[in-house]
N, C-alpha and C. Protein backbone atom coordinates (compact mmCIF):
# COMPACT_ATOMS: atom_id res chain seq x y z
N UNK A 1 -14.31 -17.30 -1.11
CA UNK A 1 -15.03 -15.59 -1.73
C UNK A 1 -15.28 -14.84 -1.39
N UNK A 2 -15.67 -13.77 -1.28
CA UNK A 2 -16.87 -13.04 -0.91
C UNK A 2 -17.18 -12.33 -1.28
N UNK A 3 -17.92 -11.20 -0.96
CA UNK A 3 -18.52 -10.55 -2.09
C UNK A 3 -18.74 -9.25 -1.24
N UNK A 4 -17.61 -8.63 -0.71
CA UNK A 4 -18.50 -6.95 0.37
C UNK A 4 -17.69 -6.21 -0.64
N UNK A 5 -16.81 -6.55 -1.30
CA UNK A 5 -16.00 -6.02 -1.52
C UNK A 5 -15.86 -5.70 -3.38
N UNK A 6 -17.03 -6.76 -3.81
CA UNK A 6 -17.42 -7.13 -5.48
C UNK A 6 -17.23 -5.97 -6.22
N UNK A 7 -15.86 -5.67 -7.25
CA UNK A 7 -16.12 -5.01 -7.68
C UNK A 7 -15.28 -3.70 -7.31
N UNK A 8 -14.49 -3.25 -6.08
CA UNK A 8 -14.37 -2.50 -5.35
C UNK A 8 -12.91 -2.53 -5.89
N UNK A 9 -11.84 -1.88 -6.55
CA UNK A 9 -10.69 -1.52 -6.82
C UNK A 9 -10.46 -0.78 -5.88
N UNK A 10 -9.24 -1.19 -5.17
CA UNK A 10 -8.18 -1.02 -3.97
C UNK A 10 -7.19 -0.17 -3.75
N UNK A 11 -6.78 0.38 -4.48
CA UNK A 11 -4.61 0.86 -4.49
C UNK A 11 -4.53 0.49 -2.62
N UNK A 12 -3.66 -0.47 -2.62
CA UNK A 12 -3.46 -0.90 -2.05
C UNK A 12 -1.93 -1.02 -2.11
N UNK A 13 -0.54 -0.49 -1.28
CA UNK A 13 0.83 0.15 -0.75
C UNK A 13 1.18 -0.58 -0.59
N UNK A 14 1.99 -1.69 -0.16
CA UNK A 14 3.30 -2.38 0.37
C UNK A 14 2.77 -3.75 0.63
N UNK A 15 1.92 -3.76 0.12
CA UNK A 15 1.31 -5.05 -0.69
C UNK A 15 2.33 -6.76 -0.44
N UNK A 16 3.33 -6.54 -0.89
CA UNK A 16 4.49 -7.72 -0.94
C UNK A 16 4.96 -7.92 1.04
N UNK A 17 5.53 -8.98 1.40
CA UNK A 17 5.88 -9.27 2.75
C UNK A 17 7.17 -9.49 2.51
N UNK A 18 7.70 -8.39 3.37
CA UNK A 18 9.60 -8.21 4.25
C UNK A 18 9.99 -9.29 3.61
N UNK A 19 10.12 -10.86 4.26
CA UNK A 19 10.55 -11.87 4.47
C UNK A 19 9.57 -12.70 4.05
N UNK A 20 10.19 -14.34 4.53
CA UNK A 20 9.30 -14.87 3.55
C UNK A 20 8.21 -15.11 4.62
N UNK A 21 6.85 -16.33 4.46
CA UNK A 21 5.16 -16.34 4.67
C UNK A 21 4.77 -15.29 4.78
N UNK A 22 3.83 -14.78 5.43
CA UNK A 22 2.59 -13.75 5.62
C UNK A 22 3.02 -12.10 6.63
N UNK A 23 3.34 -11.49 5.79
CA UNK A 23 3.15 -10.61 6.96
C UNK A 23 1.50 -9.56 6.60
N UNK A 24 1.46 -8.17 7.52
CA UNK A 24 0.51 -7.03 7.74
C UNK A 24 0.27 -6.70 6.47
N UNK A 25 0.42 -6.86 5.66
CA UNK A 25 0.63 -6.33 3.92
C UNK A 25 0.41 -7.08 2.56
N UNK A 26 0.64 -8.51 3.25
CA UNK A 26 0.65 -9.77 2.29
C UNK A 26 -1.03 -10.10 2.82
N UNK A 27 -0.77 -10.14 4.06
CA UNK A 27 -2.15 -10.80 4.59
C UNK A 27 -3.67 -9.89 4.38
N UNK A 28 -3.55 -8.14 3.96
CA UNK A 28 -4.28 -7.64 3.51
C UNK A 28 -4.88 -7.87 2.82
N UNK A 29 -3.98 -7.68 1.36
CA UNK A 29 -4.35 -7.56 -0.01
C UNK A 29 -4.75 -9.02 -0.54
N UNK A 30 -4.13 -10.09 -0.08
CA UNK A 30 -4.90 -11.37 -0.41
C UNK A 30 -6.34 -10.91 0.30
N UNK A 31 -6.61 -10.71 1.79
CA UNK A 31 -8.18 -10.73 2.00
C UNK A 31 -9.06 -10.15 1.28
N UNK A 32 -8.47 -8.83 1.03
CA UNK A 32 -9.24 -8.02 0.53
C UNK A 32 -9.51 -8.22 -1.29
N UNK A 33 -8.72 -9.56 -1.76
CA UNK A 33 -9.42 -9.84 -2.85
C UNK A 33 -10.61 -11.00 -2.99
N UNK A 34 -9.94 -11.74 -1.91
CA UNK A 34 -10.68 -13.23 -1.20
C UNK A 34 -12.61 -12.03 -1.15
N UNK A 35 -11.93 -11.03 -0.95
CA UNK A 35 -13.94 -10.40 -0.27
C UNK A 35 -14.50 -9.84 -1.91
N UNK A 36 -13.74 -10.23 -2.89
CA UNK A 36 -13.81 -9.66 -4.63
C UNK A 36 -13.56 -8.52 -4.32
N UNK A 37 -12.62 -8.24 -3.77
CA UNK A 37 -11.77 -6.49 -4.58
C UNK A 37 -10.42 -7.12 -5.73
N UNK A 38 -11.24 -5.67 -6.52
CA UNK A 38 -9.75 -5.76 -7.36
C UNK A 38 -8.89 -5.60 -7.24
N UNK A 39 -7.67 -5.69 -6.96
CA UNK A 39 -6.59 -4.93 -6.07
C UNK A 39 -5.02 -4.61 -7.30
N UNK A 40 -5.48 -3.60 -7.17
CA UNK A 40 -4.17 -2.48 -6.95
C UNK A 40 -2.75 -3.06 -5.81
N UNK A 41 -1.82 -3.42 -6.21
CA UNK A 41 -0.77 -4.55 -5.43
C UNK A 41 0.96 -3.67 -6.21
N UNK A 42 1.17 -2.66 -5.09
CA UNK A 42 2.63 -1.80 -5.14
C UNK A 42 3.04 -2.33 -3.83
N UNK A 43 4.77 -1.90 -3.82
CA UNK A 43 5.97 -2.22 -3.82
C UNK A 43 6.65 -1.79 -4.40
N UNK A 44 7.63 -1.95 -3.08
CA UNK A 44 9.25 -0.66 -3.55
C UNK A 44 10.21 -3.21 -3.51
N UNK A 45 9.46 -4.01 -3.69
CA UNK A 45 10.50 -5.39 -3.89
C UNK A 45 9.41 -5.74 -4.89
N UNK A 46 9.92 -6.50 -5.61
CA UNK A 46 9.32 -6.59 -6.73
C UNK A 46 8.91 -7.86 -6.68
N UNK A 47 10.25 -8.60 -6.14
CA UNK A 47 9.41 -9.61 -6.26
C UNK A 47 8.59 -10.28 -5.05
N UNK A 48 8.11 -9.31 -4.13
CA UNK A 48 7.34 -9.38 -2.88
C UNK A 48 6.04 -9.45 -3.37
N UNK A 49 6.25 -8.27 -4.04
CA UNK A 49 4.62 -8.30 -5.06
C UNK A 49 3.52 -9.36 -5.68
N UNK A 50 4.64 -9.06 -6.80
CA UNK A 50 5.08 -10.74 -7.58
C UNK A 50 4.22 -11.62 -6.94
N UNK A 51 4.33 -11.63 -5.74
CA UNK A 51 4.91 -13.19 -4.75
C UNK A 51 2.55 -12.79 -4.70
N UNK A 52 1.99 -11.93 -3.13
CA UNK A 52 1.48 -11.72 -3.56
C UNK A 52 0.32 -12.25 -4.67
N UNK A 53 0.65 -11.05 -5.49
CA UNK A 53 -0.42 -11.30 -6.45
C UNK A 53 -0.39 -12.66 -7.57
N UNK A 54 0.23 -13.60 -7.27
CA UNK A 54 0.80 -14.53 -7.76
C UNK A 54 -0.97 -15.22 -6.89
N UNK A 55 -1.06 -15.48 -5.49
CA UNK A 55 -1.53 -15.67 -4.68
C UNK A 55 -2.91 -14.79 -4.54
N UNK A 56 -2.79 -14.38 -4.88
CA UNK A 56 -4.51 -13.58 -5.15
C UNK A 56 -4.66 -14.65 -6.54
N UNK A 57 -3.90 -14.60 -8.15
CA UNK A 57 -4.56 -14.87 -9.59
C UNK A 57 -4.56 -16.69 -9.25
N UNK A 58 -4.22 -17.22 -8.36
CA UNK A 58 -4.41 -18.47 -8.36
C UNK A 58 -5.38 -18.71 -7.34
N UNK A 59 -6.01 -17.53 -6.42
CA UNK A 59 -7.26 -18.12 -6.30
C UNK A 59 -8.70 -16.80 -6.90
N UNK A 60 -8.48 -17.15 -8.31
CA UNK A 60 -8.80 -16.39 -8.50
C UNK A 60 -9.15 -14.90 -8.81
N UNK A 61 -8.93 -14.07 -8.37
CA UNK A 61 -9.53 -13.07 -7.48
C UNK A 61 -8.08 -11.78 -9.14
N UNK A 62 -7.94 -11.09 -9.40
CA UNK A 62 -7.83 -9.49 -10.15
C UNK A 62 -7.11 -8.74 -9.68
N UNK A 63 -5.37 -8.95 -10.37
CA UNK A 63 -4.64 -8.39 -9.54
C UNK A 63 -4.05 -7.75 -11.23
N UNK A 64 -3.31 -6.43 -10.22
CA UNK A 64 -2.54 -5.70 -11.54
C UNK A 64 -1.33 -5.46 -10.42
N UNK A 65 0.32 -5.32 -10.81
CA UNK A 65 0.86 -5.04 -9.67
C UNK A 65 1.57 -3.56 -10.31
N UNK A 66 2.48 -2.84 -9.73
CA UNK A 66 3.62 -1.91 -10.39
C UNK A 66 4.40 -1.69 -8.72
N UNK A 67 5.74 -1.65 -9.74
CA UNK A 67 6.91 -1.70 -8.52
C UNK A 67 7.02 -0.16 -8.55
N UNK A 68 6.78 0.39 -6.66
CA UNK A 68 7.00 1.61 -6.54
C UNK A 68 7.37 1.62 -4.72
N UNK A 69 8.06 3.16 -5.06
CA UNK A 69 8.45 3.98 -3.70
C UNK A 69 7.88 4.64 -3.57
N UNK A 70 6.60 4.76 -2.36
CA UNK A 70 5.95 5.54 -1.87
C UNK A 70 6.09 6.98 -2.11
N UNK A 71 7.74 6.48 -1.64
CA UNK A 71 8.36 8.35 -1.14
C UNK A 71 8.90 8.80 -2.07
N UNK A 72 8.70 8.70 -3.31
CA UNK A 72 9.05 9.14 -4.16
C UNK A 72 7.58 9.86 -5.21
N UNK A 73 7.54 11.77 -5.47
CA UNK A 73 5.64 12.10 -5.73
C UNK A 73 5.91 11.82 -7.24
N UNK A 74 6.45 10.99 -8.33
CA UNK A 74 6.32 11.17 -9.35
C UNK A 74 5.62 9.23 -9.34
N UNK A 75 7.47 8.79 -8.55
CA UNK A 75 6.34 7.59 -8.61
C UNK A 75 5.13 7.01 -8.20
N UNK A 76 4.47 7.57 -7.44
CA UNK A 76 3.18 7.75 -6.58
C UNK A 76 2.66 7.96 -7.73
N UNK A 77 2.43 9.42 -8.16
CA UNK A 77 1.79 9.63 -8.93
C UNK A 77 1.85 8.69 -10.63
N UNK A 78 3.01 8.15 -10.82
CA UNK A 78 2.60 7.58 -12.54
C UNK A 78 1.83 5.48 -11.76
N UNK A 79 2.17 5.12 -10.54
CA UNK A 79 0.97 4.05 -9.93
C UNK A 79 -0.16 4.52 -9.79
N UNK A 80 -0.71 5.96 -9.74
CA UNK A 80 -1.80 6.10 -9.55
C UNK A 80 -2.51 6.10 -11.41
N UNK A 81 -2.10 6.58 -12.11
CA UNK A 81 -1.81 7.16 -13.81
C UNK A 81 -2.63 5.70 -14.17
N UNK A 82 -1.49 4.43 -13.41
CA UNK A 82 -1.38 3.17 -14.23
C UNK A 82 -2.76 2.41 -13.29
N UNK A 83 -3.44 3.07 -12.34
CA UNK A 83 -3.72 1.99 -11.68
C UNK A 83 -5.64 2.13 -12.80
N UNK A 84 -5.99 3.79 -12.86
CA UNK A 84 -6.69 4.52 -13.40
C UNK A 84 -6.89 3.71 -14.89
N UNK A 85 -5.33 3.47 -15.70
CA UNK A 85 -6.04 2.94 -16.41
C UNK A 85 -5.85 1.46 -16.89
N UNK A 86 -5.28 0.78 -16.12
CA UNK A 86 -6.05 -0.53 -15.80
C UNK A 86 -7.50 -1.16 -15.08
N UNK A 87 -8.05 0.13 -14.13
CA UNK A 87 -9.22 -0.22 -13.60
C UNK A 87 -10.50 1.26 -14.14
N UNK A 88 -9.89 2.14 -14.10
CA UNK A 88 -10.53 3.47 -14.54
C UNK A 88 -11.09 4.39 -12.83
N UNK A 89 -11.33 3.57 -12.15
CA UNK A 89 -11.68 4.06 -11.07
C UNK A 89 -10.51 3.95 -9.37
N UNK A 90 -10.51 4.32 -8.88
CA UNK A 90 -10.97 4.02 -7.63
C UNK A 90 -11.33 4.26 -6.31
N UNK A 91 -11.22 2.65 -5.39
CA UNK A 91 -12.92 3.03 -4.15
C UNK A 91 -11.93 3.04 -2.87
N UNK A 92 -10.81 1.76 -2.68
CA UNK A 92 -10.18 2.39 -1.35
C UNK A 92 -8.89 2.50 -1.60
N UNK A 93 -8.62 2.83 -0.44
CA UNK A 93 -6.67 3.51 -0.69
C UNK A 93 -6.48 3.03 0.22
N UNK A 94 -5.83 1.90 0.35
CA UNK A 94 -4.80 1.16 1.97
C UNK A 94 -3.74 1.80 1.62
N UNK A 95 -3.53 2.46 2.89
CA UNK A 95 -1.35 2.88 2.72
C UNK A 95 -0.91 1.66 4.02
N UNK A 96 0.22 0.40 3.43
CA UNK A 96 0.51 -0.39 4.53
C UNK A 96 1.16 -0.62 4.71
N UNK A 97 2.03 0.23 3.95
CA UNK A 97 3.58 0.36 4.08
C UNK A 97 4.55 0.74 5.28
N UNK A 98 5.48 0.78 5.90
CA UNK A 98 6.59 0.63 6.96
C UNK A 98 7.92 0.03 7.02
N UNK A 99 8.50 0.79 7.50
CA UNK A 99 9.59 -0.29 8.05
C UNK A 99 10.41 0.33 8.87
N UNK A 100 10.91 -1.07 10.12
CA UNK A 100 11.20 -0.63 10.81
C UNK A 100 13.04 -0.38 11.57
N UNK A 101 12.95 0.91 12.01
CA UNK A 101 14.29 0.90 12.32
C UNK A 101 14.90 1.34 14.15
N UNK A 102 14.84 0.83 14.54
CA UNK A 102 14.73 0.16 15.51
C UNK A 102 15.62 0.98 16.61
N UNK A 103 15.46 1.83 17.89
CA UNK A 103 15.80 3.53 18.34
C UNK A 103 15.35 4.39 18.94
N UNK A 104 15.37 4.71 19.97
CA UNK A 104 14.69 6.35 19.85
C UNK A 104 15.80 7.44 19.09
N UNK A 105 15.22 8.67 18.98
CA UNK A 105 15.70 10.10 18.75
C UNK A 105 17.58 9.90 19.50
N UNK A 106 17.42 9.44 20.60
CA UNK A 106 19.05 9.81 20.70
C UNK A 106 20.07 9.13 19.86
N UNK A 107 19.89 7.65 19.65
CA UNK A 107 20.52 6.18 18.75
C UNK A 107 20.47 6.69 16.88
N UNK A 108 18.81 7.66 16.51
CA UNK A 108 19.05 7.46 14.94
C UNK A 108 19.19 8.24 14.35
N UNK A 109 20.29 9.03 13.28
CA UNK A 109 21.35 9.68 12.85
C UNK A 109 19.64 10.79 11.91
N UNK A 110 19.76 11.87 11.41
CA UNK A 110 18.96 12.82 10.60
C UNK A 110 18.80 12.17 9.66
N UNK A 111 19.19 10.84 8.54
CA UNK A 111 19.66 10.42 7.87
C UNK A 111 18.32 9.44 8.61
N UNK A 112 18.18 8.55 9.01
CA UNK A 112 17.21 7.75 9.20
C UNK A 112 15.84 8.45 9.73
N UNK A 113 15.73 9.20 10.07
CA UNK A 113 14.70 9.96 10.95
C UNK A 113 13.64 10.23 9.91
N UNK A 114 14.60 10.48 8.21
CA UNK A 114 14.08 11.51 7.60
C UNK A 114 13.36 10.72 6.94
N UNK A 115 14.54 9.11 6.20
CA UNK A 115 13.92 7.78 5.46
C UNK A 115 12.28 7.25 6.19
N UNK A 116 11.93 7.62 7.36
CA UNK A 116 11.76 6.14 8.63
C UNK A 116 9.81 7.66 7.82
N UNK A 117 10.17 8.87 8.24
CA UNK A 117 9.24 9.87 7.94
C UNK A 117 8.62 9.49 6.63
N UNK A 118 9.13 9.64 5.49
CA UNK A 118 9.44 9.77 4.59
C UNK A 118 8.56 8.30 3.78
N UNK A 119 9.13 7.50 4.35
CA UNK A 119 8.50 5.65 4.68
C UNK A 119 6.68 5.82 5.24
N UNK A 120 6.55 6.44 6.02
CA UNK A 120 5.77 6.43 7.29
C UNK A 120 4.80 7.64 6.81
N UNK A 121 4.99 8.09 6.55
CA UNK A 121 4.27 9.75 6.90
C UNK A 121 3.92 9.85 5.09
N UNK A 122 5.10 10.19 4.77
CA UNK A 122 4.98 11.72 2.83
C UNK A 122 4.21 10.29 2.00
N UNK A 123 4.44 9.05 2.63
CA UNK A 123 3.65 7.94 1.44
C UNK A 123 1.93 8.47 1.84
N UNK A 124 2.24 8.75 2.85
CA UNK A 124 0.00 8.99 3.50
C UNK A 124 0.07 9.80 2.64
N UNK A 125 0.46 11.08 2.42
CA UNK A 125 0.32 11.81 2.08
C UNK A 125 0.21 12.60 0.42
N UNK A 126 1.37 11.57 -0.32
CA UNK A 126 1.75 11.66 -1.79
C UNK A 126 0.80 10.97 -2.07
N UNK A 127 -0.06 9.79 -1.68
CA UNK A 127 -1.44 8.48 -2.16
C UNK A 127 -2.08 9.56 -1.71
N UNK A 128 -3.10 10.25 -1.14
CA UNK A 128 -3.74 11.01 -1.31
C UNK A 128 -4.51 12.15 -1.63
N UNK A 129 -3.31 12.61 -1.81
CA UNK A 129 -2.74 14.02 -2.72
C UNK A 129 -2.98 13.68 -3.85
N UNK A 130 -2.68 12.07 -4.71
CA UNK A 130 -3.15 11.53 -5.71
C UNK A 130 -4.32 11.14 -5.90
N UNK A 131 -4.62 10.30 -4.84
CA UNK A 131 -5.66 10.01 -4.95
C UNK A 131 -6.89 10.75 -4.38
N UNK A 132 -7.01 11.32 -3.24
CA UNK A 132 -8.42 11.90 -3.51
C UNK A 132 -9.34 12.68 -4.68
N UNK A 133 -8.82 13.35 -5.63
CA UNK A 133 -9.09 14.51 -6.04
C UNK A 133 -10.27 12.94 -6.89
N UNK A 134 -9.35 11.71 -7.18
CA UNK A 134 -10.40 10.60 -7.92
C UNK A 134 -11.88 10.38 -6.98
N UNK A 135 -11.47 10.29 -5.75
CA UNK A 135 -12.68 10.11 -4.41
C UNK A 135 -13.62 11.08 -5.06
N UNK A 136 -13.34 12.52 -4.88
CA UNK A 136 -14.23 13.31 -5.17
C UNK A 136 -14.58 13.44 -6.11
N UNK A 137 -13.84 13.18 -7.78
CA UNK A 137 -14.97 12.99 -8.94
C UNK A 137 -16.04 12.02 -9.24
N UNK A 138 -15.97 11.09 -8.23
CA UNK A 138 -16.97 9.76 -7.68
C UNK A 138 -17.38 9.73 -7.47
N UNK A 139 -17.42 10.50 -6.50
CA UNK A 139 -18.35 11.48 -5.34
C UNK A 139 -18.58 9.73 -4.24
N UNK A 140 -17.20 9.26 -3.91
CA UNK A 140 -17.14 8.33 -2.93
C UNK A 140 -15.76 7.35 -2.49
N UNK A 141 -15.30 6.90 -1.60
CA UNK A 141 -14.51 6.36 -1.33
C UNK A 141 -14.29 5.87 0.03
N UNK A 142 -12.96 5.71 0.32
CA UNK A 142 -12.48 4.92 1.54
C UNK A 142 -10.62 4.88 1.68
N UNK A 143 -9.98 5.32 2.81
CA UNK A 143 -8.86 5.38 3.06
C UNK A 143 -8.93 4.89 4.49
N UNK A 144 -7.90 4.19 4.08
CA UNK A 144 -7.42 3.05 4.98
C UNK A 144 -6.02 3.22 5.72
N UNK A 145 -5.64 4.01 7.03
CA UNK A 145 -4.24 4.34 6.42
C UNK A 145 -3.72 3.36 8.05
N UNK A 146 -2.89 2.67 8.34
CA UNK A 146 -2.23 0.87 8.54
C UNK A 146 -0.64 2.16 9.14
N UNK A 147 -0.80 2.18 10.54
CA UNK A 147 -0.02 1.75 11.14
C UNK A 147 0.00 0.43 12.24
N UNK A 148 1.39 1.04 13.70
CA UNK A 148 2.39 -0.15 14.37
C UNK A 148 2.33 0.89 15.64
N UNK A 149 2.58 -0.31 16.40
CA UNK A 149 3.31 0.34 17.78
C UNK A 149 4.13 0.54 17.79
N UNK A 150 5.67 -0.26 17.22
CA UNK A 150 5.99 0.15 16.87
C UNK A 150 7.13 1.98 15.87
N UNK A 151 7.97 2.16 17.28
CA UNK A 151 8.18 4.26 16.39
C UNK A 151 9.46 4.70 16.75
N UNK A 152 10.01 5.81 16.61
CA UNK A 152 11.54 5.58 16.79
C UNK A 152 11.27 6.90 17.76
N UNK A 153 10.05 6.60 18.10
CA UNK A 153 10.29 7.06 19.32
C UNK A 153 9.00 7.21 20.44
N UNK A 154 9.59 4.97 20.35
CA UNK A 154 8.88 4.18 21.52
C UNK A 154 9.97 4.26 23.51
N UNK A 155 9.45 3.96 24.22
CA UNK A 155 10.02 4.07 25.28
C UNK A 155 10.84 3.05 25.17
N UNK A 156 11.62 3.43 26.30
CA UNK A 156 12.55 1.55 26.19
C UNK A 156 12.34 0.52 28.13
C-alpha cells in the first residue's frame, strides 16, 4: 500500500463492476484505497459495490458503501450525508458512473437519450452540487470526472 492519499476521503460513484472481472470503476476504487484513501463507495448495484468493498477490506483498506442511483437528487443527498457521518469530510469526488446504449441520435429513443444524460451528465451536477459546499468549507478538495470515448453521438 502507498500513502499518497493517506487519510483522504474519496467519495467514489460507480465503484462496482458491471460484469465479472475488473472494470474502470472497480479498479480505480481499489487503487485509490491502496494509496491510503478512505473510500466511500457507491453504486446502483449492491452486489457489485460490496464486491469492490470486500477487496478493499481484504487488503486492509477502509471503505464504507451505499447503494445509490446518482441520477436521483434525494439519493445523492442521502449518500453525501452518510459519507459525512462516517468520515466527517470529503477530500476527493470521483464521478465514475456510466452506461452504454449503442447507437446514434437516429437510433435512440428520447427515453434512452434522457437516461444516458441523467446517468452520465446529471449525476455530475448532483454530486458536485452537494459536495462542492463541503469542499469550499474545508478550504480544499479535488473533483475527478471520468468519461469515455463511447458516446451516443459517435460517428459510425
